[in-house]
Each structure stands twice: as C-alpha cells, then as structure tokens.
Amino acid sequence: MVRYLYLAGGFVSLGLGAIGVVLPLLPTVPFMILAAFCFARSSPRLEAWLVEHRHFGPHIRAWREKGAISRRGKTAALAAFAVSIVLAFAFAPMPAPLITLTAALVGGSWIWTRPES
C-alpha cells in the first residue's frame, strides 16, 4: 500500500513539475526532485528515467550528491519570492503580506545557503 502512495506522489509531483515548465512561478526542479524521491521508493524504472533525464537529471544528481542548487535556480527562486511579496503587498489585506514576507525570507535564506552545483 505504501508503495502505491509513493507512486501516486511521484506522479503528482511529476505533473506539477511539468506544469511548472510553462508557468513561471511554479518551480519545476523541486517537484522533479520530489518525484525522484517518491519513485525511488516505488518504481526503480521511473526513478532511473528521471535521474538520467537530459534536463532534470543533473539537478537531481547534484541535490542527491551535495545538496546543491545551481546559481540560476537560486536566482529564479529568489525572483519568484520577490514577485510573490510584491503581489501580496499589492493585492492581499494585512497580515497576509507579512506572512508571505516571512515565508520568503525563511525559504530564501535556506535556498541561498545551499551549496552551488
């Protein structure tokens, strides 16, 4: 039963990552890393496909080996956080923008301190 839950989680993550390819504010690589994690526990064939993928494989391997994120990935994540903060302050009533700001600061700090691949 647990294997099927991991398999479902892998497909959901894979789908969200695929949507992120065309939607700029939805991160692709973190969802692919999560999909690889789920597939490692449910389908070795799908995990191997993702890890060997031409575009996503290098990111997944860098994360697994060194916990590393590329400088481009870090910059994109921080830019998305900045856009989210601006939109929250422009359109959301208080205190939602402050919650968004806090989450962005915590998440952005963590991302920026990861090693670079």
N, C-alpha and C. Protein backbone atom coordinates (compact mmCIF):
# COMPACT_ATOMS: atom_id res chain seq x y z
N MET A 1 0.82 -1.20 0.00
CA MET A 1 0.00 0.00 0.00
C MET A 1 0.86 1.26 0.00
N VAL A 2 1.93 1.26 0.83
CA VAL A 2 2.80 2.43 0.90
C VAL A 2 3.48 2.68 -0.44
N ARG A 3 3.84 1.59 -1.12
CA ARG A 3 4.47 1.71 -2.43
C ARG A 3 3.56 2.47 -3.40
N TYR A 4 2.27 2.18 -3.36
CA TYR A 4 1.33 2.86 -4.26
C TYR A 4 1.15 4.33 -3.89
N LEU A 5 1.24 4.65 -2.61
CA LEU A 5 1.17 6.06 -2.18
C LEU A 5 2.39 6.82 -2.70
N TYR A 6 3.58 6.21 -2.60
CA TYR A 6 4.78 6.84 -3.15
C TYR A 6 4.68 6.98 -4.66
N LEU A 7 4.15 5.99 -5.33
CA LEU A 7 3.98 6.04 -6.77
C LEU A 7 3.03 7.18 -7.15
N ALA A 8 1.90 7.28 -6.45
CA ALA A 8 0.95 8.38 -6.70
C ALA A 8 1.60 9.73 -6.42
N GLY A 9 2.35 9.83 -5.32
CA GLY A 9 3.05 11.07 -5.01
C GLY A 9 4.06 11.44 -6.08
N GLY A 10 4.73 10.43 -6.62
CA GLY A 10 5.68 10.68 -7.70
C GLY A 10 5.01 11.22 -8.95
N PHE A 11 3.86 10.63 -9.30
CA PHE A 11 3.14 11.12 -10.48
C PHE A 11 2.56 12.52 -10.27
N VAL A 12 2.06 12.79 -9.08
CA VAL A 12 1.55 14.14 -8.78
C VAL A 12 2.69 15.15 -8.88
N SER A 13 3.83 14.83 -8.29
CA SER A 13 4.99 15.72 -8.34
C SER A 13 5.47 15.90 -9.77
N LEU A 14 5.50 14.83 -10.53
CA LEU A 14 5.90 14.90 -11.93
C LEU A 14 4.94 15.81 -12.71
N GLY A 15 3.65 15.68 -12.45
CA GLY A 15 2.66 16.53 -13.11
C GLY A 15 2.82 17.99 -12.75
N LEU A 16 3.02 18.27 -11.46
CA LEU A 16 3.22 19.66 -11.03
C LEU A 16 4.50 20.24 -11.63
N GLY A 17 5.54 19.41 -11.69
CA GLY A 17 6.78 19.87 -12.33
C GLY A 17 6.58 20.16 -13.80
N ALA A 18 5.79 19.34 -14.48
CA ALA A 18 5.51 19.57 -15.90
C ALA A 18 4.73 20.86 -16.10
N ILE A 19 3.79 21.13 -15.21
CA ILE A 19 3.05 22.40 -15.28
C ILE A 19 4.01 23.57 -15.04
N GLY A 20 4.97 23.37 -14.14
CA GLY A 20 5.94 24.41 -13.84
C GLY A 20 6.83 24.78 -15.01
N VAL A 21 6.93 23.90 -15.99
CA VAL A 21 7.73 24.22 -17.17
C VAL A 21 7.12 25.40 -17.91
N VAL A 22 5.79 25.51 -17.91
CA VAL A 22 5.13 26.59 -18.64
C VAL A 22 4.63 27.72 -17.75
N LEU A 23 4.49 27.48 -16.46
CA LEU A 23 4.07 28.54 -15.54
C LEU A 23 5.30 29.04 -14.77
N PRO A 24 5.67 30.30 -14.95
CA PRO A 24 6.93 30.78 -14.40
C PRO A 24 7.03 30.76 -12.87
N LEU A 25 5.93 30.86 -12.15
CA LEU A 25 6.02 30.93 -10.69
C LEU A 25 5.94 29.57 -10.00
N LEU A 26 5.71 28.52 -10.76
CA LEU A 26 5.66 27.17 -10.18
C LEU A 26 7.01 26.50 -10.42
N PRO A 27 7.72 26.14 -9.35
CA PRO A 27 9.07 25.59 -9.53
C PRO A 27 9.04 24.19 -10.13
N THR A 28 9.87 23.96 -11.11
CA THR A 28 9.91 22.66 -11.78
C THR A 28 10.84 21.68 -11.08
N VAL A 29 12.09 22.08 -10.88
CA VAL A 29 13.11 21.15 -10.39
C VAL A 29 12.78 20.59 -9.00
N PRO A 30 12.31 21.40 -8.04
CA PRO A 30 11.97 20.78 -6.74
C PRO A 30 10.92 19.69 -6.86
N PHE A 31 9.96 19.86 -7.75
CA PHE A 31 8.94 18.82 -7.94
C PHE A 31 9.55 17.58 -8.60
N MET A 32 10.52 17.78 -9.49
CA MET A 32 11.19 16.63 -10.11
C MET A 32 12.05 15.89 -9.08
N ILE A 33 12.69 16.63 -8.19
CA ILE A 33 13.48 16.00 -7.12
C ILE A 33 12.54 15.20 -6.22
N LEU A 34 11.41 15.77 -5.88
CA LEU A 34 10.42 15.05 -5.05
C LEU A 34 9.90 13.82 -5.78
N ALA A 35 9.65 13.95 -7.09
CA ALA A 35 9.19 12.80 -7.87
C ALA A 35 10.24 11.69 -7.86
N ALA A 36 11.51 12.06 -8.02
CA ALA A 36 12.58 11.06 -7.99
C ALA A 36 12.64 10.37 -6.62
N PHE A 37 12.45 11.13 -5.55
CA PHE A 37 12.42 10.57 -4.20
C PHE A 37 11.29 9.54 -4.08
N CYS A 38 10.11 9.93 -4.54
CA CYS A 38 8.95 9.03 -4.46
C CYS A 38 9.14 7.80 -5.34
N PHE A 39 9.65 7.99 -6.55
CA PHE A 39 9.86 6.87 -7.46
C PHE A 39 10.95 5.93 -6.94
N ALA A 40 11.93 6.47 -6.20
CA ALA A 40 12.98 5.61 -5.63
C ALA A 40 12.38 4.60 -4.66
N ARG A 41 11.25 4.94 -4.07
CA ARG A 41 10.59 4.05 -3.11
C ARG A 41 9.45 3.25 -3.72
N SER A 42 9.19 3.47 -5.02
CA SER A 42 8.05 2.77 -5.62
C SER A 42 8.35 2.16 -6.98
N SER A 43 9.17 2.81 -7.80
CA SER A 43 9.42 2.32 -9.15
C SER A 43 10.85 2.64 -9.59
N PRO A 44 11.76 1.70 -9.44
CA PRO A 44 13.14 1.95 -9.85
C PRO A 44 13.27 2.36 -11.33
N ARG A 45 12.40 1.86 -12.16
CA ARG A 45 12.45 2.21 -13.59
C ARG A 45 12.15 3.70 -13.80
N LEU A 46 11.11 4.21 -13.13
CA LEU A 46 10.77 5.62 -13.26
C LEU A 46 11.82 6.51 -12.61
N GLU A 47 12.38 6.04 -11.50
CA GLU A 47 13.45 6.81 -10.86
C GLU A 47 14.64 6.92 -11.80
N ALA A 48 15.05 5.81 -12.40
CA ALA A 48 16.18 5.82 -13.33
C ALA A 48 15.91 6.74 -14.50
N TRP A 49 14.68 6.74 -15.01
CA TRP A 49 14.33 7.62 -16.12
C TRP A 49 14.52 9.08 -15.73
N LEU A 50 14.07 9.45 -14.54
CA LEU A 50 14.21 10.84 -14.10
C LEU A 50 15.67 11.20 -13.84
N VAL A 51 16.40 10.32 -13.16
CA VAL A 51 17.79 10.62 -12.82
C VAL A 51 18.65 10.72 -14.09
N GLU A 52 18.30 9.99 -15.12
CA GLU A 52 19.05 10.04 -16.38
C GLU A 52 18.47 11.03 -17.38
N HIS A 53 17.42 11.74 -17.01
CA HIS A 53 16.78 12.70 -17.91
C HIS A 53 17.77 13.79 -18.30
N ARG A 54 17.73 14.19 -19.55
CA ARG A 54 18.68 15.17 -20.09
C ARG A 54 18.61 16.51 -19.37
N HIS A 55 17.42 16.97 -19.03
CA HIS A 55 17.28 18.29 -18.40
C HIS A 55 17.23 18.23 -16.88
N PHE A 56 16.52 17.28 -16.33
CA PHE A 56 16.31 17.25 -14.88
C PHE A 56 17.35 16.40 -14.14
N GLY A 57 17.94 15.43 -14.82
CA GLY A 57 18.89 14.53 -14.18
C GLY A 57 20.05 15.22 -13.49
N PRO A 58 20.72 16.19 -14.14
CA PRO A 58 21.84 16.85 -13.47
C PRO A 58 21.43 17.56 -12.17
N HIS A 59 20.26 18.16 -12.15
CA HIS A 59 19.77 18.83 -10.94
C HIS A 59 19.48 17.83 -9.82
N ILE A 60 18.87 16.72 -10.19
CA ILE A 60 18.54 15.69 -9.21
C ILE A 60 19.83 15.09 -8.64
N ARG A 61 20.79 14.79 -9.51
CA ARG A 61 22.06 14.22 -9.04
C ARG A 61 22.82 15.20 -8.15
N ALA A 62 22.85 16.48 -8.53
CA ALA A 62 23.54 17.49 -7.71
C ALA A 62 22.90 17.60 -6.33
N TRP A 63 21.57 17.53 -6.28
CA TRP A 63 20.88 17.60 -4.99
C TRP A 63 21.19 16.37 -4.14
N ARG A 64 21.15 15.21 -4.77
CA ARG A 64 21.39 13.97 -4.02
C ARG A 64 22.84 13.87 -3.53
N GLU A 65 23.78 14.29 -4.36
CA GLU A 65 25.19 14.12 -4.01
C GLU A 65 25.71 15.19 -3.06
N LYS A 66 25.29 16.45 -3.27
CA LYS A 66 25.87 17.55 -2.49
C LYS A 66 24.83 18.45 -1.83
N GLY A 67 23.55 18.18 -2.05
CA GLY A 67 22.53 19.10 -1.56
C GLY A 67 22.65 20.45 -2.25
N ALA A 68 23.10 20.43 -3.51
CA ALA A 68 23.43 21.65 -4.23
C ALA A 68 22.30 22.12 -5.13
N ILE A 69 22.23 23.44 -5.28
CA ILE A 69 21.28 24.10 -6.18
C ILE A 69 22.10 25.01 -7.07
N SER A 70 21.79 25.05 -8.35
CA SER A 70 22.55 25.91 -9.27
C SER A 70 22.30 27.38 -8.94
N ARG A 71 23.25 28.22 -9.32
CA ARG A 71 23.08 29.67 -9.09
C ARG A 71 21.85 30.17 -9.84
N ARG A 72 21.64 29.66 -11.04
CA ARG A 72 20.46 30.07 -11.82
C ARG A 72 19.18 29.67 -11.09
N GLY A 73 19.16 28.48 -10.51
CA GLY A 73 18.00 28.03 -9.75
C GLY A 73 17.76 28.89 -8.52
N LYS A 74 18.84 29.24 -7.84
CA LYS A 74 18.70 30.11 -6.67
C LYS A 74 18.15 31.47 -7.07
N THR A 75 18.69 32.02 -8.14
CA THR A 75 18.23 33.33 -8.61
C THR A 75 16.76 33.29 -9.01
N ALA A 76 16.37 32.24 -9.71
CA ALA A 76 14.97 32.11 -10.13
C ALA A 76 14.05 31.99 -8.91
N ALA A 77 14.46 31.21 -7.92
CA ALA A 77 13.64 31.05 -6.72
C ALA A 77 13.50 32.37 -5.98
N LEU A 78 14.59 33.09 -5.83
CA LEU A 78 14.52 34.37 -5.12
C LEU A 78 13.71 35.40 -5.90
N ALA A 79 13.80 35.37 -7.22
CA ALA A 79 12.98 36.27 -8.04
C ALA A 79 11.49 35.94 -7.87
N ALA A 80 11.17 34.66 -7.83
CA ALA A 80 9.77 34.26 -7.62
C ALA A 80 9.28 34.70 -6.24
N PHE A 81 10.14 34.57 -5.23
CA PHE A 81 9.78 35.05 -3.89
C PHE A 81 9.51 36.56 -3.93
N ALA A 82 10.37 37.31 -4.62
CA ALA A 82 10.22 38.76 -4.68
C ALA A 82 8.89 39.14 -5.36
N VAL A 83 8.57 38.47 -6.46
CA VAL A 83 7.31 38.74 -7.16
C VAL A 83 6.13 38.42 -6.24
N SER A 84 6.21 37.31 -5.51
CA SER A 84 5.14 36.93 -4.59
C SER A 84 4.94 37.98 -3.50
N ILE A 85 6.03 38.51 -2.99
CA ILE A 85 5.94 39.54 -1.94
C ILE A 85 5.28 40.80 -2.49
N VAL A 86 5.72 41.22 -3.66
CA VAL A 86 5.14 42.43 -4.27
C VAL A 86 3.65 42.24 -4.52
N LEU A 87 3.27 41.08 -5.07
CA LEU A 87 1.85 40.82 -5.33
C LEU A 87 1.04 40.76 -4.03
N ALA A 88 1.63 40.16 -3.00
CA ALA A 88 0.92 40.07 -1.72
C ALA A 88 0.68 41.46 -1.14
N PHE A 89 1.69 42.32 -1.18
CA PHE A 89 1.52 43.67 -0.63
C PHE A 89 0.57 44.49 -1.49
N ALA A 90 0.53 44.22 -2.79
CA ALA A 90 -0.34 44.99 -3.69
C ALA A 90 -1.81 44.56 -3.60
N PHE A 91 -2.06 43.27 -3.39
CA PHE A 91 -3.43 42.79 -3.53
C PHE A 91 -4.04 42.12 -2.30
N ALA A 92 -3.26 41.73 -1.33
CA ALA A 92 -3.80 41.00 -0.18
C ALA A 92 -3.94 41.93 1.03
N PRO A 93 -4.98 41.71 1.83
CA PRO A 93 -5.13 42.52 3.04
C PRO A 93 -4.13 42.06 4.10
N MET A 94 -3.80 42.98 4.98
CA MET A 94 -2.89 42.64 6.08
C MET A 94 -3.57 41.60 6.96
N PRO A 95 -2.91 40.67 7.56
CA PRO A 95 -1.47 40.47 7.67
C PRO A 95 -0.91 39.48 6.66
N ALA A 96 -1.67 39.10 5.64
CA ALA A 96 -1.20 38.11 4.66
C ALA A 96 0.14 38.50 4.02
N PRO A 97 0.36 39.76 3.65
CA PRO A 97 1.67 40.10 3.07
C PRO A 97 2.83 39.87 4.05
N LEU A 98 2.58 40.06 5.32
CA LEU A 98 3.65 39.83 6.30
C LEU A 98 3.97 38.34 6.43
N ILE A 99 2.95 37.52 6.31
CA ILE A 99 3.17 36.06 6.33
C ILE A 99 3.96 35.65 5.09
N THR A 100 3.60 36.21 3.94
CA THR A 100 4.32 35.94 2.70
C THR A 100 5.77 36.39 2.81
N LEU A 101 5.98 37.57 3.36
CA LEU A 101 7.33 38.10 3.53
C LEU A 101 8.16 37.19 4.44
N THR A 102 7.57 36.77 5.55
CA THR A 102 8.28 35.89 6.48
C THR A 102 8.65 34.56 5.82
N ALA A 103 7.69 33.96 5.12
CA ALA A 103 7.95 32.68 4.43
C ALA A 103 9.04 32.85 3.37
N ALA A 104 9.01 33.95 2.63
CA ALA A 104 10.02 34.20 1.61
C ALA A 104 11.40 34.40 2.22
N LEU A 105 11.46 35.11 3.32
CA LEU A 105 12.75 35.32 3.98
C LEU A 105 13.34 34.01 4.51
N VAL A 106 12.50 33.21 5.13
CA VAL A 106 12.97 31.92 5.66
C VAL A 106 13.38 30.99 4.51
N GLY A 107 12.49 30.82 3.54
CA GLY A 107 12.77 29.95 2.41
C GLY A 107 13.94 30.44 1.57
N GLY A 108 13.98 31.74 1.31
CA GLY A 108 15.07 32.31 0.52
C GLY A 108 16.41 32.18 1.21
N SER A 109 16.43 32.38 2.52
CA SER A 109 17.68 32.22 3.28
C SER A 109 18.19 30.79 3.19
N TRP A 110 17.28 29.85 3.34
CA TRP A 110 17.68 28.44 3.26
C TRP A 110 18.21 28.11 1.87
N ILE A 111 17.52 28.55 0.83
CA ILE A 111 17.95 28.27 -0.54
C ILE A 111 19.32 28.87 -0.80
N TRP A 112 19.53 30.12 -0.37
CA TRP A 112 20.78 30.80 -0.67
C TRP A 112 21.97 30.16 0.04
N THR A 113 21.73 29.50 1.16
CA THR A 113 22.84 28.88 1.90
C THR A 113 23.20 27.48 1.40
N ARG A 114 22.43 26.92 0.46
CA ARG A 114 22.77 25.61 -0.10
C ARG A 114 24.00 25.75 -0.97
N PRO A 115 24.81 24.69 -1.07
CA PRO A 115 25.97 24.73 -1.97
C PRO A 115 25.51 24.91 -3.42
N GLU A 116 26.41 25.41 -4.25
CA GLU A 116 26.08 25.59 -5.66
C GLU A 116 26.62 24.44 -6.49
N SER A 117 25.83 24.05 -7.49
CA SER A 117 26.28 22.97 -8.38
C SER A 117 26.88 23.53 -9.63
